[in-house]
Amino acid sequence: MHFLSALTIVAALVTAGCVTQPIEQKSALELQAIQVKEFETNQRTAFTAVMSVFQDLGYIVNSASLETGFITAKSPAKTEMVIFSGYIITDEKANAFIEQIAPNRTKVRLTFVRTEQKSTGFGKVGERDIPITDPAPYQSAFAKIQQSIFIRSNVN
């Protein structure tokens, strides 16, 4: 009887860790308000500032095109072992779209996505992309981009 009770408690504890929090959904306008900022500079200066900030934040730039204004980057992967589950490998992807909207006026849109890959002892793998909708990382990145633009614009 004690064995059955202990087994029930252990099973309850193990499955309790499997509950995931729902992802907060934001409207397209809410996301755009978080992810977009305009800067008083040309596209080339904004582009090089974003490239520099991504590298400063620890991202590895995968591709970049001044012509299209598109930059893709990825953080180094982190592996974590979870008891009774296997491994969780996480990384972040960062994308930027830099667009000249007027003379000396450029719009930058950033997106950050966290990727989780789960692997069990049996070799099964699942992957999940989680858009980052918290305004803090975007505000921090935009502040760094603004500083980089300021420095680049005032060096001469």
Protein backbone atom coordinates (compact mmCIF):
# COMPACT_ATOMS: atom_id res chain seq x y z
CA MET A 1 0.00 0.00 0.00
CA HIS A 2 2.84 2.38 0.88
CA PHE A 3 4.57 1.48 -2.38
CA LEU A 4 1.46 2.39 -4.39
CA SER A 5 1.12 5.74 -2.57
CA ALA A 6 4.80 6.55 -3.14
CA LEU A 7 4.50 5.61 -6.81
CA THR A 8 1.46 7.87 -7.20
CA ILE A 9 3.29 10.83 -5.62
CA VAL A 10 6.36 10.33 -7.84
CA ALA A 11 4.17 10.09 -10.96
CA ALA A 12 2.35 13.29 -9.98
CA LEU A 13 5.64 15.16 -9.48
CA VAL A 14 7.07 13.97 -12.77
CA THR A 15 4.01 14.93 -14.81
CA ALA A 16 3.61 18.26 -13.00
CA GLY A 17 6.85 19.43 -14.62
CA CYS A 18 5.38 18.78 -18.08
CA VAL A 19 2.83 21.59 -17.90
CA THR A 20 3.74 24.50 -20.22
CA GLN A 21 2.63 28.08 -19.98
CA PRO A 22 0.52 29.38 -22.87
CA ILE A 23 2.32 31.79 -25.18
CA GLU A 24 1.01 35.33 -24.86
CA GLN A 25 -0.59 36.38 -28.14
CA LYS A 26 -0.25 39.97 -29.32
CA SER A 27 -1.98 41.58 -32.25
CA ALA A 28 -0.02 42.55 -35.37
CA LEU A 29 -0.19 46.23 -34.37
CA GLU A 30 1.07 45.46 -30.85
CA LEU A 31 3.99 43.47 -32.30
CA GLN A 32 4.81 46.23 -34.77
CA ALA A 33 4.83 48.82 -31.97
CA ILE A 34 7.43 46.71 -30.13
CA GLN A 35 9.51 45.63 -33.14
CA VAL A 36 9.76 48.82 -35.26
CA LYS A 37 11.67 52.04 -34.71
CA GLU A 38 12.55 54.89 -37.03
CA PHE A 39 15.95 56.58 -37.01
CA GLU A 40 17.16 59.86 -38.50
CA THR A 41 19.89 58.41 -40.68
CA ASN A 42 20.45 56.78 -44.05
CA GLN A 43 20.01 53.08 -44.74
CA ARG A 44 23.75 52.31 -44.92
CA THR A 45 24.45 53.79 -41.47
CA ALA A 46 21.44 52.03 -39.91
CA PHE A 47 22.44 48.75 -41.58
CA THR A 48 26.01 48.83 -40.25
CA ALA A 49 24.74 49.86 -36.80
CA VAL A 50 22.34 46.89 -36.65
CA MET A 51 25.10 44.50 -37.82
CA SER A 52 27.42 45.81 -35.12
CA VAL A 53 24.77 45.59 -32.38
CA PHE A 54 23.83 42.02 -33.32
CA GLN A 55 27.49 41.04 -33.03
CA ASP A 56 27.83 42.94 -29.72
CA LEU A 57 24.81 41.01 -28.39
CA GLY A 58 26.56 37.71 -29.18
CA TYR A 59 24.72 36.79 -32.36
CA ILE A 60 26.48 35.17 -35.31
CA VAL A 61 25.41 36.87 -38.54
CA ASN A 62 24.27 34.23 -41.05
CA SER A 63 23.40 36.55 -43.93
CA ALA A 64 23.26 40.26 -44.63
CA SER A 65 22.33 42.26 -47.71
CA LEU A 66 22.46 46.04 -47.83
CA GLU A 67 20.53 45.91 -51.11
CA THR A 68 17.52 44.15 -49.56
CA GLY A 69 18.10 45.55 -46.06
CA PHE A 70 17.77 42.09 -44.53
CA ILE A 71 20.01 40.62 -41.80
CA THR A 72 19.66 37.17 -40.22
CA ALA A 73 21.61 36.09 -37.15
CA LYS A 74 21.64 33.32 -34.56
CA SER A 75 22.97 32.97 -31.04
CA PRO A 76 25.21 30.08 -30.01
CA ALA A 77 23.18 27.05 -28.86
CA LYS A 78 22.91 26.14 -25.17
CA THR A 79 22.34 22.55 -24.07
CA GLU A 80 20.64 21.70 -20.77
CA MET A 81 20.02 18.24 -19.36
CA VAL A 82 16.60 17.77 -17.77
CA ILE A 83 16.08 14.81 -15.43
CA PHE A 84 13.56 12.28 -16.75
CA SER A 85 13.22 14.23 -20.02
CA GLY A 86 16.52 14.28 -21.88
CA TYR A 87 18.12 17.38 -23.32
CA ILE A 88 16.85 20.81 -24.26
CA ILE A 89 18.88 22.77 -26.80
CA THR A 90 18.00 26.46 -27.05
CA ASP A 91 19.13 29.34 -29.21
CA GLU A 92 17.78 32.65 -30.44
CA LYS A 93 17.33 33.87 -33.96
CA ALA A 94 17.41 37.56 -34.75
CA ASN A 95 16.24 39.17 -37.97
CA ALA A 96 16.34 42.78 -39.06
CA PHE A 97 14.75 44.59 -41.97
CA ILE A 98 16.22 48.04 -42.62
CA GLU A 99 14.29 50.28 -45.02
CA GLN A 100 14.95 53.85 -46.20
CA ILE A 101 11.55 55.59 -45.95
CA ALA A 102 12.62 59.18 -46.69
CA PRO A 103 15.84 61.11 -47.17
CA ASN A 104 17.81 60.67 -43.96
CA ARG A 105 14.96 58.60 -42.42
CA THR A 106 15.21 54.82 -41.96
CA LYS A 107 12.86 52.26 -40.42
CA VAL A 108 14.28 49.21 -38.63
CA ARG A 109 12.17 46.17 -37.77
CA LEU A 110 13.67 43.54 -35.48
CA THR A 111 12.32 40.08 -34.66
CA PHE A 112 13.70 37.77 -31.99
CA VAL A 113 12.65 34.12 -31.82
CA ARG A 114 13.71 31.54 -29.25
CA THR A 115 14.07 27.99 -30.57
CA GLU A 116 13.85 24.94 -28.29
CA GLN A 117 14.77 21.45 -29.44
CA LYS A 118 13.93 18.59 -27.11
CA SER A 119 15.64 15.23 -27.27
CA THR A 120 14.73 12.21 -25.15
CA GLY A 121 16.89 9.22 -24.30
CA PHE A 122 15.12 7.40 -27.12
CA GLY A 123 16.35 9.84 -29.76
CA LYS A 124 13.06 11.61 -30.47
CA VAL A 125 13.43 15.29 -31.24
CA GLY A 126 10.82 18.02 -31.15
CA GLU A 127 11.35 21.65 -32.07
CA ARG A 128 9.40 24.72 -31.08
CA ASP A 129 9.84 28.36 -32.13
CA ILE A 130 8.72 30.90 -29.56
CA PRO A 131 8.44 34.52 -30.73
CA ILE A 132 9.83 36.93 -28.15
CA THR A 133 7.09 39.47 -27.47
CA ASP A 134 8.53 41.05 -24.32
CA PRO A 135 9.34 44.70 -25.19
CA ALA A 136 12.53 44.81 -23.06
CA PRO A 137 14.95 43.06 -25.48
CA TYR A 138 13.70 45.21 -28.36
CA GLN A 139 14.03 48.44 -26.36
CA SER A 140 17.55 47.47 -25.32
CA ALA A 141 18.58 46.61 -28.89
CA PHE A 142 17.07 49.83 -30.27
CA ALA A 143 18.89 51.90 -27.63
CA LYS A 144 22.18 50.28 -28.65
CA ILE A 145 21.39 50.84 -32.34
CA GLN A 146 20.67 54.53 -31.61
CA GLN A 147 24.02 54.83 -29.80
CA SER A 148 25.83 53.15 -32.69
CA ILE A 149 24.14 55.46 -35.23
CA PHE A 150 25.07 58.50 -33.12
CA ILE A 151 28.72 57.42 -32.99
CA ARG A 152 28.87 56.65 -36.71
CA SER A 153 27.19 59.96 -37.62
CA ASN A 154 29.46 62.08 -35.40
CA VAL A 155 32.87 60.50 -35.96
CA ASN A 156 33.83 62.90 -38.78
